[in-house]
């Protein structure tokens, strides 16, 4: 009996054994893809649930890996290559179905995803020379809001954003992204610095709402938010605000009175959470999906209503799947909006900003 010598390990890509039948492997991959297509079709009535979509995404990712391995098999004939191309097309078609028609509640779940990029994730990828500023010079520093100076493609700017966290210790430190009054006062202090030195302001909104605790109320939570709204409406500096996750109530609006208000594709912006709305309207928090649809809280809904100025696209599956791609997409939109604002005199910007918010949600017009 002839014993073959073992193959030597190499540092490069390991070639598949010569006996590998490309046609058989293609058939196996095609069978797996057919299974995913069949399961998705059967779950069509339940397809709005996020967990069903996530499972389908994972299955498609595995199939894509198999297809990449197939492409590396040497000695393929034209028929095998054609079959592989067809598999690619079917995967892309199914992926479009998986991501199509996301409802308001599904987007709310994506906006709350724990792996979604937060303010400092975008700061690291979009801005340079970041230097954080702490404290409101009255009471304390609030880690739930980060403020600082940076450079945006060479221009000196100011960045302000609400910051969440991913592990338990950091979540407590950041107060789960719910700012105290001193956080909003710190933000306003930094805005006045930007106004003094003629720097544009970039804000990033990501909070379920301002902190509702007793201490926050004692230190003037409502007054701090109202003060920010008034001052931002007349601040002599260009302002671009972006809702990157959850924009909740006045806690979000307190840093979002801007010349340009943008929303990431899978972010939400509302006066109350869907669960809270359902509890008030139907005395049943489980009707949160119905409430989310009725409240019109998604980026596309708010764009149609004229409450925001633009929607920033995200990578397939959401910003949490690829932080680098999400930051690149946001960077491109921010550059475009920034150039438009640079071309207008500051007095004109302030007047346009004020009128924009005054005319928002206007349902009728009085003819003079």
Protein backbone atom coordinates (compact mmCIF):
# COMPACT_ATOMS: atom_id res chain seq x y z
CA UNK A 1 0.00 0.00 0.00
CA UNK A 2 1.41 3.34 -1.03
CA UNK A 3 1.35 5.99 1.69
CA UNK A 4 1.38 9.60 0.52
CA UNK A 5 3.63 12.08 2.26
CA UNK A 6 1.94 14.71 4.43
CA UNK A 7 1.58 18.14 2.87
CA UNK A 8 3.92 20.79 4.23
CA UNK A 9 2.43 23.80 5.97
CA UNK A 10 2.89 27.12 4.22
CA UNK A 11 2.63 30.68 5.42
CA UNK A 12 0.30 31.68 2.58
CA UNK A 13 -3.23 30.55 1.77
CA UNK A 14 -3.60 26.82 2.12
CA UNK A 15 -4.77 25.26 -1.12
CA UNK A 16 -7.71 22.88 -0.89
CA UNK A 17 -6.99 19.19 -1.55
CA UNK A 18 -7.02 18.22 -5.23
CA UNK A 19 -9.95 15.87 -4.67
CA UNK A 20 -12.30 18.76 -3.76
CA UNK A 21 -15.20 18.83 -6.19
CA UNK A 22 -16.19 22.44 -6.80
CA UNK A 23 -19.57 21.42 -8.22
CA UNK A 24 -20.47 19.43 -5.14
CA UNK A 25 -19.49 22.28 -2.80
CA UNK A 26 -21.52 24.74 -4.88
CA UNK A 27 -24.52 22.42 -4.58
CA UNK A 28 -24.06 22.26 -0.81
CA UNK A 29 -23.87 26.03 -0.48
CA UNK A 30 -26.88 26.40 -2.75
CA UNK A 31 -28.80 23.99 -0.52
CA UNK A 32 -27.97 26.07 2.59
CA UNK A 33 -29.04 29.27 0.84
CA UNK A 34 -32.30 27.63 -0.22
CA UNK A 35 -32.92 26.70 3.42
CA UNK A 36 -32.41 30.32 4.54
CA UNK A 37 -34.71 31.58 1.78
CA UNK A 38 -37.36 29.04 2.79
CA UNK A 39 -37.13 29.93 6.49
CA UNK A 40 -37.36 33.65 5.72
CA UNK A 41 -40.42 33.04 3.56
CA UNK A 42 -42.11 30.99 6.27
CA UNK A 43 -41.42 33.68 8.86
CA UNK A 44 -42.69 36.45 6.61
CA UNK A 45 -45.58 37.24 8.95
CA UNK A 46 -43.12 37.46 11.84
CA UNK A 47 -40.33 39.08 9.82
CA UNK A 48 -40.70 42.44 11.49
CA UNK A 49 -39.16 41.05 14.69
CA UNK A 50 -35.56 42.10 15.01
CA UNK A 51 -34.32 38.73 16.25
CA UNK A 52 -35.57 37.03 13.07
CA UNK A 53 -33.67 39.53 10.95
CA UNK A 54 -30.52 39.18 13.04
CA UNK A 55 -30.58 35.38 12.68
CA UNK A 56 -31.04 35.69 8.92
CA UNK A 57 -28.07 38.09 8.77
CA UNK A 58 -25.85 35.62 10.62
CA UNK A 59 -26.87 32.78 8.30
CA UNK A 60 -26.18 34.90 5.22
CA UNK A 61 -22.77 35.89 6.61
CA UNK A 62 -21.82 32.21 6.95
CA UNK A 63 -22.99 31.48 3.42
CA UNK A 64 -20.94 34.39 2.10
CA UNK A 65 -17.84 32.93 3.75
CA UNK A 66 -18.49 29.64 1.99
CA UNK A 67 -18.89 31.44 -1.32
CA UNK A 68 -15.54 33.20 -0.79
CA UNK A 69 -13.93 29.82 -0.14
CA UNK A 70 -15.50 28.51 -3.34
CA UNK A 71 -14.02 31.36 -5.35
CA UNK A 72 -10.56 30.39 -4.09
CA UNK A 73 -10.86 26.83 -5.40
CA UNK A 74 -8.52 26.44 -8.40
CA UNK A 75 -9.44 24.89 -11.72
CA UNK A 76 -13.05 26.03 -11.87
CA UNK A 77 -14.90 25.70 -15.16
CA UNK A 78 -17.27 28.30 -16.61
CA UNK A 79 -20.36 26.53 -15.30
CA UNK A 80 -19.05 26.54 -11.70
CA UNK A 81 -18.17 30.23 -11.90
CA UNK A 82 -21.63 30.99 -13.27
CA UNK A 83 -23.23 29.11 -10.37
CA UNK A 84 -21.11 31.02 -7.85
CA UNK A 85 -22.17 34.34 -9.41
CA UNK A 86 -25.80 33.26 -9.16
CA UNK A 87 -25.30 32.45 -5.48
CA UNK A 88 -23.89 35.95 -4.95
CA UNK A 89 -26.94 37.49 -6.60
CA UNK A 90 -29.35 35.40 -4.50
CA UNK A 91 -27.55 36.35 -1.28
CA UNK A 92 -27.74 40.06 -2.14
CA UNK A 93 -31.42 39.77 -3.11
CA UNK A 94 -32.26 38.03 0.17
CA UNK A 95 -30.24 40.57 2.15
CA UNK A 96 -32.27 43.38 0.56
CA UNK A 97 -35.46 41.60 1.62
CA UNK A 98 -34.17 41.21 5.18
CA UNK A 99 -33.37 44.92 5.48
CA UNK A 100 -36.41 46.19 3.58
CA UNK A 101 -39.44 47.50 5.40
CA UNK A 102 -37.99 47.96 8.87
CA UNK A 103 -40.76 49.29 11.07
CA UNK A 104 -40.49 52.06 13.63
CA UNK A 105 -40.08 49.63 16.53
CA UNK A 106 -37.36 47.66 14.73
CA UNK A 107 -35.46 50.90 14.12
CA UNK A 108 -35.93 51.80 17.79
CA UNK A 109 -34.27 48.51 18.73
CA UNK A 110 -31.43 49.22 16.31
CA UNK A 111 -31.03 52.73 17.75
CA UNK A 112 -30.66 51.14 21.21
CA UNK A 113 -28.23 48.43 20.08
CA UNK A 114 -25.38 48.21 22.66
CA UNK A 115 -22.73 47.89 19.94
CA UNK A 116 -23.90 50.97 18.08
CA UNK A 117 -21.15 53.64 17.79
CA UNK A 118 -21.38 56.38 20.40
CA UNK A 119 -20.16 59.98 20.35
CA UNK A 120 -16.53 59.24 21.19
CA UNK A 121 -16.46 56.47 18.56
CA UNK A 122 -17.32 59.09 15.93
CA UNK A 123 -14.92 61.63 17.42
CA UNK A 124 -12.05 59.15 17.11
CA UNK A 125 -12.86 58.44 13.46
CA UNK A 126 -13.98 61.84 12.10
CA UNK A 127 -12.09 64.48 14.10
CA UNK A 128 -8.45 65.02 15.00
CA UNK A 129 -6.59 66.80 17.83
CA UNK A 130 -9.43 66.12 20.27
CA UNK A 131 -9.03 67.97 23.59
CA UNK A 132 -11.84 67.45 26.12
CA UNK A 133 -13.20 70.24 28.32
CA UNK A 134 -14.60 69.36 31.76
CA UNK A 135 -16.95 70.98 34.26
CA UNK A 136 -19.62 73.67 34.26
CA UNK A 137 -17.69 75.97 36.66
CA UNK A 138 -20.69 75.92 38.99
CA UNK A 139 -21.22 72.44 40.43
CA UNK A 140 -19.45 69.47 38.81
CA UNK A 141 -18.42 67.67 35.64
CA UNK A 142 -21.03 65.42 34.03
CA UNK A 143 -19.53 62.46 32.11
CA UNK A 144 -22.88 61.87 30.34
CA UNK A 145 -21.99 64.82 28.08
CA UNK A 146 -18.55 65.15 26.51
CA UNK A 147 -17.33 68.48 25.17
CA UNK A 148 -14.09 69.52 23.60
CA UNK A 149 -12.10 71.20 20.88
CA UNK A 150 -10.98 69.36 17.77
CA UNK A 151 -10.15 69.75 14.10
CA UNK A 152 -12.52 68.79 11.31
CA UNK A 153 -10.52 68.33 8.11
CA UNK A 154 -8.10 71.00 9.26
CA UNK A 155 -10.67 73.50 10.60
CA UNK A 156 -10.86 74.21 14.32
CA UNK A 157 -14.26 73.18 15.68
CA UNK A 158 -16.06 72.39 18.93
CA UNK A 159 -17.67 68.98 19.52
CA UNK A 160 -20.43 68.27 22.05
CA UNK A 161 -22.21 64.96 22.50
CA UNK A 162 -24.07 62.69 24.86
CA UNK A 163 -22.02 59.62 25.71
CA UNK A 164 -23.25 56.14 26.59
CA UNK A 165 -21.20 53.08 27.55
CA UNK A 166 -21.11 49.31 26.97
CA UNK A 167 -19.98 47.73 30.25
CA UNK A 168 -21.63 48.04 33.66
CA UNK A 169 -18.92 50.17 35.27
CA UNK A 170 -18.83 52.69 32.44
CA UNK A 171 -22.63 52.81 32.21
CA UNK A 172 -22.80 53.89 35.83
CA UNK A 173 -19.99 56.42 35.25
CA UNK A 174 -21.78 57.86 32.20
CA UNK A 175 -25.12 57.74 34.04
CA UNK A 176 -26.52 55.63 31.19
CA UNK A 177 -26.21 58.63 28.87
CA UNK A 178 -28.77 60.69 30.82
CA UNK A 179 -27.24 64.12 31.55
CA UNK A 180 -27.61 66.12 34.76
CA UNK A 181 -28.12 69.90 34.71
CA UNK A 182 -24.37 70.45 35.07
CA UNK A 183 -23.91 68.53 31.82
CA UNK A 184 -26.13 70.91 29.91
CA UNK A 185 -24.49 73.91 31.59
CA UNK A 186 -21.08 72.54 30.61
CA UNK A 187 -22.31 72.18 27.02
CA UNK A 188 -23.58 75.77 26.99
CA UNK A 189 -20.28 77.03 28.44
CA UNK A 190 -18.40 75.33 25.61
CA UNK A 191 -20.87 76.73 23.05
CA UNK A 192 -20.13 80.25 24.28
CA UNK A 193 -16.41 79.51 23.89
CA UNK A 194 -17.09 78.48 20.29
CA UNK A 195 -19.08 81.68 19.72
CA UNK A 196 -16.30 83.81 21.20
CA UNK A 197 -13.61 82.32 18.97
CA UNK A 198 -15.74 81.84 15.85
CA UNK A 199 -15.66 78.06 15.82
CA UNK A 200 -18.45 75.92 14.31
CA UNK A 201 -20.20 73.46 16.62
CA UNK A 202 -20.91 69.78 15.97
CA UNK A 203 -23.28 68.09 18.41
CA UNK A 204 -24.13 64.38 18.69
CA UNK A 205 -27.46 63.43 20.24
CA UNK A 206 -27.82 60.04 21.93
CA UNK A 207 -29.89 59.96 25.12
CA UNK A 208 -33.11 58.40 26.33
CA UNK A 209 -33.74 61.68 28.14
CA UNK A 210 -32.35 64.02 30.77
CA UNK A 211 -31.77 62.43 34.17
CA UNK A 212 -35.07 62.53 36.14
CA UNK A 213 -33.59 62.08 39.62
CA UNK A 214 -34.29 64.21 42.67
CA UNK A 215 -30.80 65.75 42.69
CA UNK A 216 -31.11 66.80 39.05
CA UNK A 217 -34.45 68.45 39.74
CA UNK A 218 -33.06 70.23 42.79
CA UNK A 219 -30.24 71.67 40.70
CA UNK A 220 -32.62 72.96 38.01
CA UNK A 221 -32.87 70.37 35.27
CA UNK A 222 -35.75 72.09 33.48
CA UNK A 223 -34.13 75.51 33.72
CA UNK A 224 -30.84 74.19 32.34
CA UNK A 225 -32.57 72.67 29.32
CA UNK A 226 -34.71 75.76 28.70
CA UNK A 227 -31.63 77.98 28.97
CA UNK A 228 -29.86 75.91 26.31
CA UNK A 229 -32.84 76.12 23.97
CA UNK A 230 -32.94 79.90 24.23
CA UNK A 231 -29.20 80.41 23.87
CA UNK A 232 -28.75 77.99 20.96
CA UNK A 233 -31.55 79.72 19.05
CA UNK A 234 -29.50 82.94 18.99
CA UNK A 235 -25.93 81.64 19.19
CA UNK A 236 -23.62 83.32 16.67
CA UNK A 237 -21.89 80.16 15.50
CA UNK A 238 -22.75 77.54 12.85
CA UNK A 239 -24.29 74.45 14.48
CA UNK A 240 -24.75 70.96 13.02
CA UNK A 241 -26.58 68.41 15.20
CA UNK A 242 -26.74 64.69 14.45
CA UNK A 243 -29.00 62.16 16.17
CA UNK A 244 -26.76 59.08 16.20
CA UNK A 245 -28.93 56.80 18.34
CA UNK A 246 -31.88 57.68 20.55
CA UNK A 247 -33.02 61.29 20.72
CA UNK A 248 -35.25 61.46 23.76
CA UNK A 249 -37.39 64.48 24.62
CA UNK A 250 -35.96 67.78 25.92
CA UNK A 251 -32.79 66.03 26.99
CA UNK A 252 -31.98 65.58 23.31
CA UNK A 253 -33.33 68.91 22.09
CA UNK A 254 -31.13 70.78 24.58
CA UNK A 255 -28.13 70.27 22.26
CA UNK A 256 -30.05 70.01 18.97
CA UNK A 257 -31.30 73.52 18.20
CA UNK A 258 -29.07 73.76 15.14
CA UNK A 259 -28.77 75.14 11.62
CA UNK A 260 -28.74 71.56 10.34
CA UNK A 261 -30.35 68.67 12.21
CA UNK A 262 -29.41 65.26 10.80
CA UNK A 263 -30.42 61.75 11.78
CA UNK A 264 -28.66 58.46 11.21
CA UNK A 265 -30.85 56.11 9.17
CA UNK A 266 -31.67 53.83 12.12
CA UNK A 267 -31.93 56.46 14.83
CA UNK A 268 -35.13 57.72 16.48
CA UNK A 269 -36.16 61.13 17.80
CA UNK A 270 -39.23 61.56 19.98
CA UNK A 271 -40.80 63.31 22.95
CA UNK A 272 -41.35 60.01 24.81
CA UNK A 273 -40.33 56.37 24.42
CA UNK A 274 -42.73 54.00 22.60
CA UNK A 275 -43.18 52.05 25.85
CA UNK A 276 -44.09 55.23 27.71
CA UNK A 277 -46.53 56.31 25.03
CA UNK A 278 -48.20 52.87 24.98
CA UNK A 279 -48.51 52.91 28.78
CA UNK A 280 -50.28 56.29 28.65
CA UNK A 281 -52.50 55.74 25.61
CA UNK A 282 -53.49 52.08 26.07
CA UNK A 283 -52.33 51.32 29.62
CA UNK A 284 -50.30 48.54 28.02
CA UNK A 285 -46.55 48.89 27.38
CA UNK A 286 -46.60 45.76 25.19
CA UNK A 287 -48.23 47.85 22.45
CA UNK A 288 -44.93 49.67 21.99
CA UNK A 289 -44.67 48.70 18.31
CA UNK A 290 -48.07 50.26 17.59
CA UNK A 291 -47.07 53.39 19.51
CA UNK A 292 -43.75 53.66 17.64
CA UNK A 293 -45.54 53.62 14.28
CA UNK A 294 -48.11 56.21 15.41
CA UNK A 295 -45.53 58.59 16.88
CA UNK A 296 -43.58 59.01 13.60
CA UNK A 297 -40.18 58.81 15.30
CA UNK A 298 -37.98 57.45 12.50
CA UNK A 299 -35.61 59.48 10.35
CA UNK A 300 -37.73 59.06 7.21
CA UNK A 301 -40.92 60.12 9.01
CA UNK A 302 -39.32 63.19 10.57
CA UNK A 303 -37.72 64.16 7.27
CA UNK A 304 -41.15 64.11 5.59
CA UNK A 305 -42.58 66.20 8.43
CA UNK A 306 -39.80 68.77 8.03
CA UNK A 307 -38.47 68.33 11.56
CA UNK A 308 -34.97 67.39 10.39
CA UNK A 309 -32.78 68.45 7.48
CA UNK A 310 -31.30 65.17 6.30
CA UNK A 311 -30.91 61.42 6.78
CA UNK A 312 -27.44 59.86 6.99
CA UNK A 313 -27.25 56.34 5.50
CA UNK A 314 -25.82 53.45 7.50
CA UNK A 315 -24.01 50.24 6.52
CA UNK A 316 -26.23 47.25 5.78
CA UNK A 317 -27.58 45.85 9.02
CA UNK A 318 -27.03 49.09 10.93
CA UNK A 319 -24.17 51.24 12.18
CA UNK A 320 -23.28 48.61 14.82
CA UNK A 321 -22.11 46.21 12.12
CA UNK A 322 -19.31 48.47 10.85
CA UNK A 323 -18.22 51.49 12.88
CA UNK A 324 -15.65 52.59 10.28
CA UNK A 325 -18.17 52.59 7.43
CA UNK A 326 -20.79 54.38 9.54
CA UNK A 327 -18.28 57.09 10.48
CA UNK A 328 -17.21 57.49 6.84
CA UNK A 329 -20.82 57.96 5.72
CA UNK A 330 -21.48 60.50 8.45
CA UNK A 331 -18.22 62.31 7.71
CA UNK A 332 -19.20 62.79 4.06
CA UNK A 333 -22.58 64.30 4.99
CA UNK A 334 -21.06 66.54 7.67
CA UNK A 335 -18.54 67.90 5.17
CA UNK A 336 -21.30 68.72 2.69
CA UNK A 337 -23.48 70.45 5.29
CA UNK A 338 -20.52 72.32 6.76
CA UNK A 339 -19.56 73.76 3.36
CA UNK A 340 -23.12 75.03 2.88
CA UNK A 341 -23.11 76.78 6.25
CA UNK A 342 -19.70 78.33 5.62
CA UNK A 343 -21.07 80.11 2.57
CA UNK A 344 -23.69 82.05 4.59
CA UNK A 345 -23.13 85.08 6.85
CA UNK A 346 -23.59 84.32 10.53
CA UNK A 347 -26.46 86.81 10.93
CA UNK A 348 -28.35 85.06 8.15
CA UNK A 349 -27.72 81.67 9.78
CA UNK A 350 -29.12 82.85 13.11
CA UNK A 351 -32.25 84.24 11.46
CA UNK A 352 -32.82 81.08 9.42
CA UNK A 353 -32.27 78.88 12.47
CA UNK A 354 -34.80 80.84 14.52
CA UNK A 355 -37.42 80.83 11.78
CA UNK A 356 -36.94 77.12 11.11
CA UNK A 357 -37.85 76.14 14.64
CA UNK A 358 -40.64 78.72 14.90
CA UNK A 359 -42.32 77.34 11.78
CA UNK A 360 -41.89 73.67 12.69
CA UNK A 361 -45.14 71.63 12.93
CA UNK A 362 -47.14 74.46 11.41
CA UNK A 363 -50.42 73.14 10.03
CA UNK A 364 -51.95 76.33 8.65
CA UNK A 365 -50.83 79.70 7.42
CA UNK A 366 -52.48 83.07 8.03
CA UNK A 367 -52.62 85.15 4.87
CA UNK A 368 -51.76 88.82 5.48
